[in-house]
Amino acid sequence: MRNAAYYYDLCCKHRGKFVKIYCLNTRKEYVGKIVDIDRQYVWLEPSQPQTQGHGFGYGWGWGAGLVPISLAAIGGFALGTAFFW
């Protein structure tokens, strides 16, 4: 199993690219573009629009709809070229 430092370096290398990340603690796969990284989290802009709480609108834009994923909880990482045609 890889550690958080490995995924931090990997995410820094692929900032701005589309990726698929499997998160161990939520048991979900997240697909999106890496927009920010710090020593604890990688922040993804989802590849699909996220609806707001009222059922309308989209979560696009800086700070809106971004998904934080703990680097320590990453269980898998794939580049977008592996799953986007």
PDB file of N, CA and C in Angstrom:
ATOM      1  N   MET A   1       0.846  -1.185   0.000  1.00  0.00           N
ATOM      2  CA  MET A   1       0.000   0.000   0.000  1.00  0.00           C
ATOM      3  C   MET A   1       0.891   1.248   0.000  1.00  0.00           C
ATOM      4  N   ARG A   2       0.512   2.224  -0.798  1.00  0.00           N
ATOM      5  CA  ARG A   2       1.288   3.467  -0.921  1.00  0.00           C
ATOM      6  C   ARG A   2       0.946   4.418   0.221  1.00  0.00           C
ATOM      7  N   ASN A   3       1.875   5.323   0.533  1.00  0.00           N
ATOM      8  CA  ASN A   3       1.618   6.275   1.606  1.00  0.00           C
ATOM      9  C   ASN A   3       1.196   7.634   1.050  1.00  0.00           C
ATOM     10  N   ALA A   4       0.797   8.533   1.946  1.00  0.00           N
ATOM     11  CA  ALA A   4       0.291   9.851   1.553  1.00  0.00           C
ATOM     12  C   ALA A   4       1.343  10.661   0.793  1.00  0.00           C
ATOM     13  N   ALA A   5       2.607  10.529   1.154  1.00  0.00           N
ATOM     14  CA  ALA A   5       3.673  11.274   0.459  1.00  0.00           C
ATOM     15  C   ALA A   5       3.767  10.847  -1.004  1.00  0.00           C
ATOM     16  N   TYR A   6       3.584   9.564  -1.276  1.00  0.00           N
ATOM     17  CA  TYR A   6       3.598   9.067  -2.654  1.00  0.00           C
ATOM     18  C   TYR A   6       2.473   9.718  -3.456  1.00  0.00           C
ATOM     19  N   TYR A   7       1.251   9.718  -2.892  1.00  0.00           N
ATOM     20  CA  TYR A   7       0.110  10.289  -3.602  1.00  0.00           C
ATOM     21  C   TYR A   7       0.211  11.812  -3.708  1.00  0.00           C
ATOM     22  N   TYR A   8       0.810  12.459  -2.723  1.00  0.00           N
ATOM     23  CA  TYR A   8       1.039  13.907  -2.819  1.00  0.00           C
ATOM     24  C   TYR A   8       1.916  14.209  -4.036  1.00  0.00           C
ATOM     25  N   ASP A   9       3.032  13.505  -4.165  1.00  0.00           N
ATOM     26  CA  ASP A   9       3.928  13.715  -5.314  1.00  0.00           C
ATOM     27  C   ASP A   9       3.240  13.386  -6.629  1.00  0.00           C
ATOM     28  N   LEU A  10       2.483  12.301  -6.656  1.00  0.00           N
ATOM     29  CA  LEU A  10       1.773  11.898  -7.858  1.00  0.00           C
ATOM     30  C   LEU A  10       0.730  12.951  -8.268  1.00  0.00           C
ATOM     31  N   CYS A  11      -0.024  13.451  -7.298  1.00  0.00           N
ATOM     32  CA  CYS A  11      -1.039  14.472  -7.585  1.00  0.00           C
ATOM     33  C   CYS A  11      -0.395  15.784  -8.028  1.00  0.00           C
ATOM     34  N   CYS A  12       0.727  16.160  -7.417  1.00  0.00           N
ATOM     35  CA  CYS A  12       1.436  17.380  -7.843  1.00  0.00           C
ATOM     36  C   CYS A  12       1.884  17.251  -9.292  1.00  0.00           C
ATOM     37  N   LYS A  13       2.363  16.085  -9.663  1.00  0.00           N
ATOM     38  CA  LYS A  13       2.841  15.847 -11.022  1.00  0.00           C
ATOM     39  C   LYS A  13       1.706  15.951 -12.047  1.00  0.00           C
ATOM     40  N   HIS A  14       0.485  15.604 -11.624  1.00  0.00           N
ATOM     41  CA  HIS A  14      -0.646  15.546 -12.556  1.00  0.00           C
ATOM     42  C   HIS A  14      -1.698  16.622 -12.290  1.00  0.00           C
ATOM     43  N   ARG A  15      -1.307  17.695 -11.627  1.00  0.00           N
ATOM     44  CA  ARG A  15      -2.218  18.823 -11.374  1.00  0.00           C
ATOM     45  C   ARG A  15      -2.762  19.343 -12.705  1.00  0.00           C
ATOM     46  N   GLY A  16      -4.066  19.614 -12.741  1.00  0.00           N
ATOM     47  CA  GLY A  16      -4.710  20.112 -13.948  1.00  0.00           C
ATOM     48  C   GLY A  16      -5.184  19.021 -14.887  1.00  0.00           C
ATOM     49  N   LYS A  17      -4.885  17.770 -14.564  1.00  0.00           N
ATOM     50  CA  LYS A  17      -5.294  16.646 -15.411  1.00  0.00           C
ATOM     51  C   LYS A  17      -6.488  15.930 -14.788  1.00  0.00           C
ATOM     52  N   PHE A  18      -7.234  15.217 -15.657  1.00  0.00           N
ATOM     53  CA  PHE A  18      -8.357  14.412 -15.184  1.00  0.00           C
ATOM     54  C   PHE A  18      -7.845  13.076 -14.668  1.00  0.00           C
ATOM     55  N   VAL A  19      -8.377  12.691 -13.512  1.00  0.00           N
ATOM     56  CA  VAL A  19      -7.963  11.453 -12.861  1.00  0.00           C
ATOM     57  C   VAL A  19      -9.185  10.734 -12.288  1.00  0.00           C
ATOM     58  N   LYS A  20      -8.981   9.474 -11.953  1.00  0.00           N
ATOM     59  CA  LYS A  20      -9.958   8.704 -11.195  1.00  0.00           C
ATOM     60  C   LYS A  20      -9.251   8.262  -9.924  1.00  0.00           C
ATOM     61  N   ILE A  21      -9.849   8.565  -8.781  1.00  0.00           N
ATOM     62  CA  ILE A  21      -9.256   8.222  -7.485  1.00  0.00           C
ATOM     63  C   ILE A  21     -10.250   7.377  -6.697  1.00  0.00           C
ATOM     64  N   TYR A  22      -9.764   6.255  -6.168  1.00  0.00           N
ATOM     65  CA  TYR A  22     -10.573   5.425  -5.293  1.00  0.00           C
ATOM     66  C   TYR A  22     -10.222   5.795  -3.852  1.00  0.00           C
ATOM     67  N   CYS A  23     -11.241   6.121  -3.069  1.00  0.00           N
ATOM     68  CA  CYS A  23     -11.051   6.555  -1.686  1.00  0.00           C
ATOM     69  C   CYS A  23     -11.425   5.402  -0.752  1.00  0.00           C
ATOM     70  N   LEU A  24     -10.498   4.997   0.095  1.00  0.00           N
ATOM     71  CA  LEU A  24     -10.714   3.866   0.995  1.00  0.00           C
ATOM     72  C   LEU A  24     -11.761   4.132   2.065  1.00  0.00           C
ATOM     73  N   ASN A  25     -11.777   5.346   2.632  1.00  0.00           N
ATOM     74  CA  ASN A  25     -12.694   5.588   3.747  1.00  0.00           C
ATOM     75  C   ASN A  25     -14.150   5.767   3.303  1.00  0.00           C
ATOM     76  N   THR A  26     -14.392   6.253   2.082  1.00  0.00           N
ATOM     77  CA  THR A  26     -15.772   6.380   1.594  1.00  0.00           C
ATOM     78  C   THR A  26     -16.158   5.233   0.668  1.00  0.00           C
ATOM     79  N   ARG A  27     -15.150   4.471   0.216  1.00  0.00           N
ATOM     80  CA  ARG A  27     -15.355   3.357  -0.718  1.00  0.00           C
ATOM     81  C   ARG A  27     -16.019   3.818  -2.015  1.00  0.00           C
ATOM     82  N   LYS A  28     -15.618   5.016  -2.467  1.00  0.00           N
ATOM     83  CA  LYS A  28     -16.159   5.580  -3.707  1.00  0.00           C
ATOM     84  C   LYS A  28     -15.029   5.903  -4.659  1.00  0.00           C
ATOM     85  N   GLU A  29     -15.379   5.941  -5.945  1.00  0.00           N
ATOM     86  CA  GLU A  29     -14.455   6.424  -6.963  1.00  0.00           C
ATOM     87  C   GLU A  29     -14.856   7.844  -7.322  1.00  0.00           C
ATOM     88  N   TYR A  30     -13.871   8.716  -7.424  1.00  0.00           N
ATOM     89  CA  TYR A  30     -14.093  10.104  -7.793  1.00  0.00           C
ATOM     90  C   TYR A  30     -13.370  10.362  -9.106  1.00  0.00           C
ATOM     91  N   VAL A  31     -14.064  11.009 -10.037  1.00  0.00           N
ATOM     92  CA  VAL A  31     -13.481  11.351 -11.330  1.00  0.00           C
ATOM     93  C   VAL A  31     -13.552  12.859 -11.480  1.00  0.00           C
ATOM     94  N   GLY A  32     -12.417  13.461 -11.793  1.00  0.00           N
ATOM     95  CA  GLY A  32     -12.391  14.901 -11.980  1.00  0.00           C
ATOM     96  C   GLY A  32     -10.997  15.409 -12.235  1.00  0.00           C
ATOM     97  N   LYS A  33     -10.898  16.736 -12.334  1.00  0.00           N
ATOM     98  CA  LYS A  33      -9.626  17.400 -12.595  1.00  0.00           C
ATOM     99  C   LYS A  33      -9.006  17.845 -11.277  1.00  0.00           C
ATOM    100  N   ILE A  34      -7.717  17.562 -11.099  1.00  0.00           N
ATOM    101  CA  ILE A  34      -7.000  18.004  -9.904  1.00  0.00           C
ATOM    102  C   ILE A  34      -6.810  19.515 -10.004  1.00  0.00           C
ATOM    103  N   VAL A  35      -7.373  20.250  -9.025  1.00  0.00           N
ATOM    104  CA  VAL A  35      -7.247  21.709  -9.042  1.00  0.00           C
ATOM    105  C   VAL A  35      -6.361  22.238  -7.923  1.00  0.00           C
ATOM    106  N   ASP A  36      -6.160  21.449  -6.870  1.00  0.00           N
ATOM    107  CA  ASP A  36      -5.294  21.902  -5.777  1.00  0.00           C
ATOM    108  C   ASP A  36      -4.830  20.699  -4.976  1.00  0.00           C
ATOM    109  N   ILE A  37      -3.691  20.858  -4.322  1.00  0.00           N
ATOM    110  CA  ILE A  37      -3.130  19.807  -3.479  1.00  0.00           C
ATOM    111  C   ILE A  37      -2.471  20.483  -2.284  1.00  0.00           C
ATOM    112  N   ASP A  38      -2.690  19.932  -1.098  1.00  0.00           N
ATOM    113  CA  ASP A  38      -1.882  20.326   0.046  1.00  0.00           C
ATOM    114  C   ASP A  38      -1.389  19.033   0.701  1.00  0.00           C
ATOM    115  N   ARG A  39      -0.752  19.101   1.825  1.00  0.00           N
ATOM    116  CA  ARG A  39      -0.162  17.904   2.437  1.00  0.00           C
ATOM    117  C   ARG A  39      -1.200  16.932   3.002  1.00  0.00           C
ATOM    118  N   GLN A  40      -2.481  17.362   3.073  1.00  0.00           N
ATOM    119  CA  GLN A  40      -3.518  16.474   3.590  1.00  0.00           C
ATOM    120  C   GLN A  40      -4.529  16.046   2.540  1.00  0.00           C
ATOM    121  N   TYR A  41      -4.838  16.934   1.592  1.00  0.00           N
ATOM    122  CA  TYR A  41      -5.918  16.675   0.636  1.00  0.00           C
ATOM    123  C   TYR A  41      -5.509  16.968  -0.795  1.00  0.00           C
ATOM    124  N   VAL A  42      -6.184  16.267  -1.707  1.00  0.00           N
ATOM    125  CA  VAL A  42      -6.189  16.620  -3.121  1.00  0.00           C
ATOM    126  C   VAL A  42      -7.618  17.084  -3.399  1.00  0.00           C
ATOM    127  N   TRP A  43      -7.748  18.185  -4.123  1.00  0.00           N
ATOM    128  CA  TRP A  43      -9.053  18.770  -4.419  1.00  0.00           C
ATOM    129  C   TRP A  43      -9.379  18.529  -5.879  1.00  0.00           C
ATOM    130  N   LEU A  44     -10.527  17.870  -6.125  1.00  0.00           N
ATOM    131  CA  LEU A  44     -10.965  17.571  -7.485  1.00  0.00           C
ATOM    132  C   LEU A  44     -12.159  18.433  -7.862  1.00  0.00           C
ATOM    133  N   GLU A  45     -12.154  18.881  -9.120  1.00  0.00           N
ATOM    134  CA  GLU A  45     -13.349  19.473  -9.710  1.00  0.00           C
ATOM    135  C   GLU A  45     -14.026  18.327 -10.457  1.00  0.00           C
ATOM    136  N   PRO A  46     -15.206  17.885 -10.002  1.00  0.00           N
ATOM    137  CA  PRO A  46     -15.843  16.721 -10.607  1.00  0.00           C
ATOM    138  C   PRO A  46     -16.054  16.886 -12.112  1.00  0.00           C
ATOM    139  N   SER A  47     -15.998  15.780 -12.823  1.00  0.00           N
ATOM    140  CA  SER A  47     -16.182  15.827 -14.267  1.00  0.00           C
ATOM    141  C   SER A  47     -17.648  15.954 -14.633  1.00  0.00           C
ATOM    142  N   GLN A  48     -18.538  15.701 -13.694  1.00  0.00           N
ATOM    143  CA  GLN A  48     -19.980  15.864 -13.904  1.00  0.00           C
ATOM    144  C   GLN A  48     -20.465  17.042 -13.069  1.00  0.00           C
ATOM    145  N   PRO A  49     -21.397  17.850 -13.591  1.00  0.00           N
ATOM    146  CA  PRO A  49     -21.954  18.949 -12.796  1.00  0.00           C
ATOM    147  C   PRO A  49     -22.589  18.428 -11.517  1.00  0.00           C
ATOM    148  N   GLN A  50     -22.414  19.141 -10.432  1.00  0.00           N
ATOM    149  CA  GLN A  50     -23.000  18.779  -9.154  1.00  0.00           C
ATOM    150  C   GLN A  50     -24.179  19.701  -8.885  1.00  0.00           C
ATOM    151  N   THR A  51     -25.353  19.137  -8.603  1.00  0.00           N
ATOM    152  CA  THR A  51     -26.512  19.980  -8.337  1.00  0.00           C
ATOM    153  C   THR A  51     -26.397  20.586  -6.953  1.00  0.00           C
ATOM    154  N   GLN A  52     -26.957  21.768  -6.801  1.00  0.00           N
ATOM    155  CA  GLN A  52     -26.972  22.454  -5.517  1.00  0.00           C
ATOM    156  C   GLN A  52     -28.074  21.843  -4.645  1.00  0.00           C
ATOM    157  N   GLY A  53     -28.163  22.245  -3.394  1.00  0.00           N
ATOM    158  CA  GLY A  53     -29.137  21.704  -2.467  1.00  0.00           C
ATOM    159  C   GLY A  53     -30.588  21.917  -2.885  1.00  0.00           C
ATOM    160  N   HIS A  54     -30.856  22.926  -3.705  1.00  0.00           N
ATOM    161  CA  HIS A  54     -32.222  23.221  -4.121  1.00  0.00           C
ATOM    162  C   HIS A  54     -32.610  22.481  -5.396  1.00  0.00           C
ATOM    163  N   GLY A  55     -31.721  21.673  -5.935  1.00  0.00           N
ATOM    164  CA  GLY A  55     -32.046  20.890  -7.108  1.00  0.00           C
ATOM    165  C   GLY A  55     -31.861  21.626  -8.421  1.00  0.00           C
ATOM    166  N   PHE A  56     -31.202  22.763  -8.393  1.00  0.00           N
ATOM    167  CA  PHE A  56     -30.941  23.488  -9.634  1.00  0.00           C
ATOM    168  C   PHE A  56     -29.554  24.083  -9.591  1.00  0.00           C
ATOM    169  N   GLY A  57     -29.049  24.456 -10.747  1.00  0.00           N
ATOM    170  CA  GLY A  57     -27.722  25.068 -10.809  1.00  0.00           C
ATOM    171  C   GLY A  57     -26.630  24.019 -10.838  1.00  0.00           C
ATOM    172  N   TYR A  58     -25.436  24.496 -10.998  1.00  0.00           N
ATOM    173  CA  TYR A  58     -24.283  23.612 -11.091  1.00  0.00           C
ATOM    174  C   TYR A  58     -23.200  24.076 -10.139  1.00  0.00           C
ATOM    175  N   GLY A  59     -22.342  23.145  -9.761  1.00  0.00           N
ATOM    176  CA  GLY A  59     -21.282  23.437  -8.811  1.00  0.00           C
ATOM    177  C   GLY A  59     -19.965  23.779  -9.457  1.00  0.00           C
ATOM    178  N   TRP A  60     -19.962  24.335 -10.654  1.00  0.00           N
ATOM    179  CA  TRP A  60     -18.709  24.673 -11.318  1.00  0.00           C
ATOM    180  C   TRP A  60     -18.148  25.965 -10.759  1.00  0.00           C
ATOM    181  N   GLY A  61     -16.863  26.126 -10.867  1.00  0.00           N
ATOM    182  CA  GLY A  61     -16.205  27.351 -10.423  1.00  0.00           C
ATOM    183  C   GLY A  61     -15.319  27.089  -9.229  1.00  0.00           C
ATOM    184  N   TRP A  62     -14.372  27.978  -9.004  1.00  0.00           N
ATOM    185  CA  TRP A  62     -13.431  27.814  -7.913  1.00  0.00           C
ATOM    186  C   TRP A  62     -14.156  27.807  -6.582  1.00  0.00           C
ATOM    187  N   GLY A  63     -13.967  26.787  -5.811  1.00  0.00           N
ATOM    188  CA  GLY A  63     -14.566  26.687  -4.498  1.00  0.00           C
ATOM    189  C   GLY A  63     -15.958  26.075  -4.501  1.00  0.00           C
ATOM    190  N   ALA A  64     -16.611  26.050  -5.644  1.00  0.00           N
ATOM    191  CA  ALA A  64     -17.965  25.498  -5.728  1.00  0.00           C
ATOM    192  C   ALA A  64     -17.894  24.094  -6.315  1.00  0.00           C
ATOM    193  N   GLY A  65     -18.386  23.129  -5.579  1.00  0.00           N
ATOM    194  CA  GLY A  65     -18.434  21.778  -6.085  1.00  0.00           C
ATOM    195  C   GLY A  65     -17.120  21.021  -6.042  1.00  0.00           C
ATOM    196  N   LEU A  66     -16.092  21.577  -5.415  1.00  0.00           N
ATOM    197  CA  LEU A  66     -14.820  20.870  -5.316  1.00  0.00           C
ATOM    198  C   LEU A  66     -14.928  19.756  -4.282  1.00  0.00           C
ATOM    199  N   VAL A  67     -14.259  18.657  -4.567  1.00  0.00           N
ATOM    200  CA  VAL A  67     -14.304  17.488  -3.680  1.00  0.00           C
ATOM    201  C   VAL A  67     -12.924  17.302  -3.050  1.00  0.00           C
ATOM    202  N   PRO A  68     -12.819  17.416  -1.696  1.00  0.00           N
ATOM    203  CA  PRO A  68     -11.549  17.129  -1.035  1.00  0.00           C
ATOM    204  C   PRO A  68     -11.422  15.627  -0.766  1.00  0.00           C
ATOM    205  N   ILE A  69     -10.275  15.072  -1.094  1.00  0.00           N
ATOM    206  CA  ILE A  69     -10.017  13.658  -0.835  1.00  0.00           C
ATOM    207  C   ILE A  69      -8.736  13.574  -0.014  1.00  0.00           C
ATOM    208  N   SER A  70      -8.810  12.909   1.107  1.00  0.00           N
ATOM    209  CA  SER A  70      -7.652  12.752   1.972  1.00  0.00           C
ATOM    210  C   SER A  70      -6.575  11.923   1.274  1.00  0.00           C
ATOM    211  N   LEU A  71      -5.359  12.436   1.247  1.00  0.00           N
ATOM    212  CA  LEU A  71      -4.263  11.700   0.621  1.00  0.00           C
ATOM    213  C   LEU A  71      -4.020  10.368   1.324  1.00  0.00           C
ATOM    214  N   ALA A  72      -4.237  10.336   2.638  1.00  0.00           N
ATOM    215  CA  ALA A  72      -4.018   9.111   3.405  1.00  0.00           C
ATOM    216  C   ALA A  72      -5.061   8.049   3.093  1.00  0.00           C
ATOM    217  N   ALA A  73      -6.201   8.435   2.495  1.00  0.00           N
ATOM    218  CA  ALA A  73      -7.277   7.479   2.224  1.00  0.00           C
ATOM    219  C   ALA A  73      -7.301   7.001   0.778  1.00  0.00           C
ATOM    220  N   ILE A  74      -6.360   7.463  -0.050  1.00  0.00           N
ATOM    221  CA  ILE A  74      -6.362   7.057  -1.449  1.00  0.00           C
ATOM    222  C   ILE A  74      -5.915   5.601  -1.563  1.00  0.00           C
ATOM    223  N   GLY A  75      -6.727   4.828  -2.247  1.00  0.00           N
ATOM    224  CA  GLY A  75      -6.418   3.416  -2.450  1.00  0.00           C
ATOM    225  C   GLY A  75      -6.153   3.073  -3.899  1.00  0.00           C
ATOM    226  N   GLY A  76      -6.372   4.037  -4.789  1.00  0.00           N
ATOM    227  CA  GLY A  76      -6.126   3.811  -6.203  1.00  0.00           C
ATOM    228  C   GLY A  76      -6.133   5.125  -6.959  1.00  0.00           C
ATOM    229  N   PHE A  77      -5.350   5.180  -8.037  1.00  0.00           N
ATOM    230  CA  PHE A  77      -5.187   6.416  -8.804  1.00  0.00           C
ATOM    231  C   PHE A  77      -4.989   6.032 -10.266  1.00  0.00           C
ATOM    232  N   ALA A  78      -5.772   6.626 -11.168  1.00  0.00           N
ATOM    233  CA  ALA A  78      -5.608   6.372 -12.601  1.00  0.00           C
ATOM    234  C   ALA A  78      -5.694   7.691 -13.339  1.00  0.00           C
ATOM    235  N   LEU A  79      -4.859   7.867 -14.344  1.00  0.00           N
ATOM    236  CA  LEU A  79      -4.897   9.075 -15.179  1.00  0.00           C
ATOM    237  C   LEU A  79      -6.097   9.015 -16.100  1.00  0.00           C
ATOM    238  N   GLY A  80      -6.599  10.196 -16.466  1.00  0.00           N
ATOM    239  CA  GLY A  80      -7.767  10.304 -17.317  1.00  0.00           C
ATOM    240  C   GLY A  80      -7.624   9.615 -18.651  1.00  0.00           C
ATOM    241  N   THR A  81      -6.425   9.545 -19.193  1.00  0.00           N
ATOM    242  CA  THR A  81      -6.244   8.896 -20.489  1.00  0.00           C
ATOM    243  C   THR A  81      -6.578   7.414 -20.419  1.00  0.00           C
ATOM    244  N   ALA A  82      -6.610   6.854 -19.227  1.00  0.00           N
ATOM    245  CA  ALA A  82      -6.925   5.434 -19.074  1.00  0.00           C
ATOM    246  C   ALA A  82      -8.423   5.159 -19.160  1.00  0.00           C
ATOM    247  N   PHE A  83      -9.281   6.186 -18.984  1.00  0.00           N
ATOM    248  CA  PHE A  83     -10.717   5.933 -18.980  1.00  0.00           C
ATOM    249  C   PHE A  83     -11.543   6.926 -19.771  1.00  0.00           C
ATOM    250  N   PHE A  84     -10.941   7.990 -20.338  1.00  0.00           N
ATOM    251  CA  PHE A  84     -11.661   8.920 -21.212  1.00  0.00           C
ATOM    252  C   PHE A  84     -11.311   8.599 -22.651  1.00  0.00           C
ATOM    253  N   TRP A  85     -12.301   8.519 -23.523  1.00  0.00           N
ATOM    254  CA  TRP A  85     -12.059   8.214 -24.946  1.00  0.00           C
ATOM    255  C   TRP A  85     -12.250   9.432 -25.756  1.00  0.00           C
TER     256      TRP A  85
END
